[in-house]
């Protein structure tokens, strides 16, 4: 993900160098740091939940959504 972000940033800078300034860089840095910590919290929560409850609820959810989608496709609702 980091390499893809760097390439995207490089391509943007190459095409539109005027859009990159110190104000945008500080906003990008703050957003990256905040998103990193939110991702850490989300992963920690998910691992804790899975250790306590396992994949059973996730399995039921996938089966129900799959059946609903199959039914909608079969009856041409979507």
C-alpha atoms as a PDB file:
ATOM      1  CA  UNK A   1       0.000   0.000   0.000  1.00  0.00           C
ATOM      2  CA  UNK A   2       2.833   2.348   0.801  1.00  0.00           C
ATOM      3  CA  UNK A   3       4.478   1.804  -2.587  1.00  0.00           C
ATOM      4  CA  UNK A   4       1.153   2.321  -4.390  1.00  0.00           C
ATOM      5  CA  UNK A   5       0.595   5.547  -2.450  1.00  0.00           C
ATOM      6  CA  UNK A   6       4.073   6.818  -3.295  1.00  0.00           C
ATOM      7  CA  UNK A   7       3.547   6.047  -6.988  1.00  0.00           C
ATOM      8  CA  UNK A   8       0.154   7.786  -6.969  1.00  0.00           C
ATOM      9  CA  UNK A   9       1.649  10.797  -5.244  1.00  0.00           C
ATOM     10  CA  UNK A  10       4.527  10.880  -7.736  1.00  0.00           C
ATOM     11  CA  UNK A  11       2.158  10.681 -10.721  1.00  0.00           C
ATOM     12  CA  UNK A  12       0.002  13.483  -9.301  1.00  0.00           C
ATOM     13  CA  UNK A  13       3.045  15.666  -8.679  1.00  0.00           C
ATOM     14  CA  UNK A  14       4.350  14.989 -12.187  1.00  0.00           C
ATOM     15  CA  UNK A  15       1.049  16.002 -13.824  1.00  0.00           C
ATOM     16  CA  UNK A  16       0.027  18.860 -11.486  1.00  0.00           C
ATOM     17  CA  UNK A  17       3.027  20.226  -9.563  1.00  0.00           C
ATOM     18  CA  UNK A  18       1.094  23.346  -8.548  1.00  0.00           C
ATOM     19  CA  UNK A  19      -1.335  21.347  -6.361  1.00  0.00           C
ATOM     20  CA  UNK A  20       1.399  20.218  -3.981  1.00  0.00           C
ATOM     21  CA  UNK A  21       2.273  22.882  -1.401  1.00  0.00           C
ATOM     22  CA  UNK A  22       3.161  22.960   2.294  1.00  0.00           C
ATOM     23  CA  UNK A  23      -0.480  23.280   3.371  1.00  0.00           C
ATOM     24  CA  UNK A  24      -1.462  20.187   1.396  1.00  0.00           C
ATOM     25  CA  UNK A  25       1.547  18.260   2.665  1.00  0.00           C
ATOM     26  CA  UNK A  26       0.692  18.920   6.320  1.00  0.00           C
ATOM     27  CA  UNK A  27      -2.906  17.849   5.703  1.00  0.00           C
ATOM     28  CA  UNK A  28      -1.696  14.689   3.964  1.00  0.00           C
ATOM     29  CA  UNK A  29       0.716  13.913   6.821  1.00  0.00           C
ATOM     30  CA  UNK A  30      -1.944  14.395   9.511  1.00  0.00           C
ATOM     31  CA  UNK A  31      -4.435  12.300   7.554  1.00  0.00           C
ATOM     32  CA  UNK A  32      -1.893   9.507   7.091  1.00  0.00           C
ATOM     33  CA  UNK A  33      -1.000   9.419  10.784  1.00  0.00           C
ATOM     34  CA  UNK A  34      -4.629   9.438  11.916  1.00  0.00           C
ATOM     35  CA  UNK A  35      -5.617   6.731   9.432  1.00  0.00           C
ATOM     36  CA  UNK A  36      -2.692   4.568  10.583  1.00  0.00           C
ATOM     37  CA  UNK A  37      -3.813   4.676  14.221  1.00  0.00           C
ATOM     38  CA  UNK A  38      -7.473   4.127  13.336  1.00  0.00           C
ATOM     39  CA  UNK A  39      -6.442   1.087  11.289  1.00  0.00           C
ATOM     40  CA  UNK A  40      -4.451  -0.258  14.252  1.00  0.00           C
ATOM     41  CA  UNK A  41      -7.476   0.125  16.523  1.00  0.00           C
ATOM     42  CA  UNK A  42      -9.765  -1.537  13.975  1.00  0.00           C
ATOM     43  CA  UNK A  43      -7.434  -4.518  13.558  1.00  0.00           C
ATOM     44  CA  UNK A  44      -7.020  -4.844  17.333  1.00  0.00           C
ATOM     45  CA  UNK A  45     -10.809  -4.819  17.780  1.00  0.00           C
ATOM     46  CA  UNK A  46     -11.329  -7.377  15.003  1.00  0.00           C
ATOM     47  CA  UNK A  47      -8.691  -9.759  16.370  1.00  0.00           C
ATOM     48  CA  UNK A  48     -10.157  -9.478  19.873  1.00  0.00           C
ATOM     49  CA  UNK A  49     -13.666 -10.116  18.581  1.00  0.00           C
ATOM     50  CA  UNK A  50     -12.563 -13.136  16.561  1.00  0.00           C
ATOM     51  CA  UNK A  51     -10.688 -14.606  19.518  1.00  0.00           C
ATOM     52  CA  UNK A  52     -13.840 -14.400  21.649  1.00  0.00           C
ATOM     53  CA  UNK A  53     -16.520 -15.252  19.069  1.00  0.00           C
ATOM     54  CA  UNK A  54     -14.789 -16.952  16.128  1.00  0.00           C
ATOM     55  CA  UNK A  55     -15.961 -16.900  12.517  1.00  0.00           C
ATOM     56  CA  UNK A  56     -19.395 -18.450  13.138  1.00  0.00           C
ATOM     57  CA  UNK A  57     -21.345 -15.152  12.944  1.00  0.00           C
ATOM     58  CA  UNK A  58     -19.344 -14.086   9.891  1.00  0.00           C
ATOM     59  CA  UNK A  59     -20.167 -17.401   8.207  1.00  0.00           C
ATOM     60  CA  UNK A  60     -23.893 -17.005   8.857  1.00  0.00           C
ATOM     61  CA  UNK A  61     -23.763 -13.447   7.567  1.00  0.00           C
ATOM     62  CA  UNK A  62     -22.061 -14.535   4.328  1.00  0.00           C
ATOM     63  CA  UNK A  63     -24.572 -17.336   3.764  1.00  0.00           C
ATOM     64  CA  UNK A  64     -27.541 -14.997   4.301  1.00  0.00           C
ATOM     65  CA  UNK A  65     -26.112 -12.288   2.040  1.00  0.00           C
ATOM     66  CA  UNK A  66     -25.253 -14.882  -0.616  1.00  0.00           C
ATOM     67  CA  UNK A  67     -28.751 -16.334  -0.570  1.00  0.00           C
ATOM     68  CA  UNK A  68     -30.289 -12.863  -0.724  1.00  0.00           C
ATOM     69  CA  UNK A  69     -28.097 -11.905  -3.669  1.00  0.00           C
ATOM     70  CA  UNK A  70     -28.798 -15.163  -5.464  1.00  0.00           C
ATOM     71  CA  UNK A  71     -32.544 -14.679  -4.939  1.00  0.00           C
ATOM     72  CA  UNK A  72     -32.396 -11.109  -6.233  1.00  0.00           C
ATOM     73  CA  UNK A  73     -30.523 -12.241  -9.329  1.00  0.00           C
ATOM     74  CA  UNK A  74     -32.865 -15.194  -9.878  1.00  0.00           C
ATOM     75  CA  UNK A  75     -36.006 -13.040  -9.629  1.00  0.00           C
ATOM     76  CA  UNK A  76     -34.345 -10.243 -11.649  1.00  0.00           C
ATOM     77  CA  UNK A  77     -34.700  -7.677  -8.878  1.00  0.00           C
ATOM     78  CA  UNK A  78     -31.210  -6.370  -9.597  1.00  0.00           C
END
